[in-house]
């Protein structure tokens, strides 16, 4: 199955070019011309990765990042911008961006390497998440079965004590053990 990438950029030429390049690389790519449209598309479909421009009218890349991470805490978002500053990079990384890249890119590998790393990270988180849920379920079932096992032994022990008391109580009284 092809991995799905959503690209959000208000510069139509860049958007068209990135969609074409990443489609040629074997990804299933959807483009959005602004942040609001990108968020709406993300709400209606699932994506493995989002690549967004930072500076866009109405909804900027940091807001896109915030809203997408609110919708899917494991979402991988790469911010690609022509306004590369350390302040923007820090804000993006603190917001949960997988990577912060500056435009223009020297070559396609500058984008493909972070894309592949981000997709691998998502796959691992997804796999780990499923394993974690299974481990929690097994732990719960194990503790529940231990509880039931212990409860059954307590019941058996109490039952045995009751039988023992009924059987031997009269004899114990005769011997004067119980007063």
Foldseek 3Di string as FASTA:
>chain_A
DAAEEEEEALPVVVQVVVCVVVVVVPHHYDYDNHLVRSLVVCVVDPGLAYEYEADDPPAGPLNSLLSSCVVPVLYEYEYEYQPDDVVVQVSCVVSPHQYYYYPDDPDCVVVVVSVVVSSVSSVVCVVVVVVVVVVVVVVVVVVVVVVVVVVVVVVVVVVVVVVCCVVCVVVCVVVVVDD
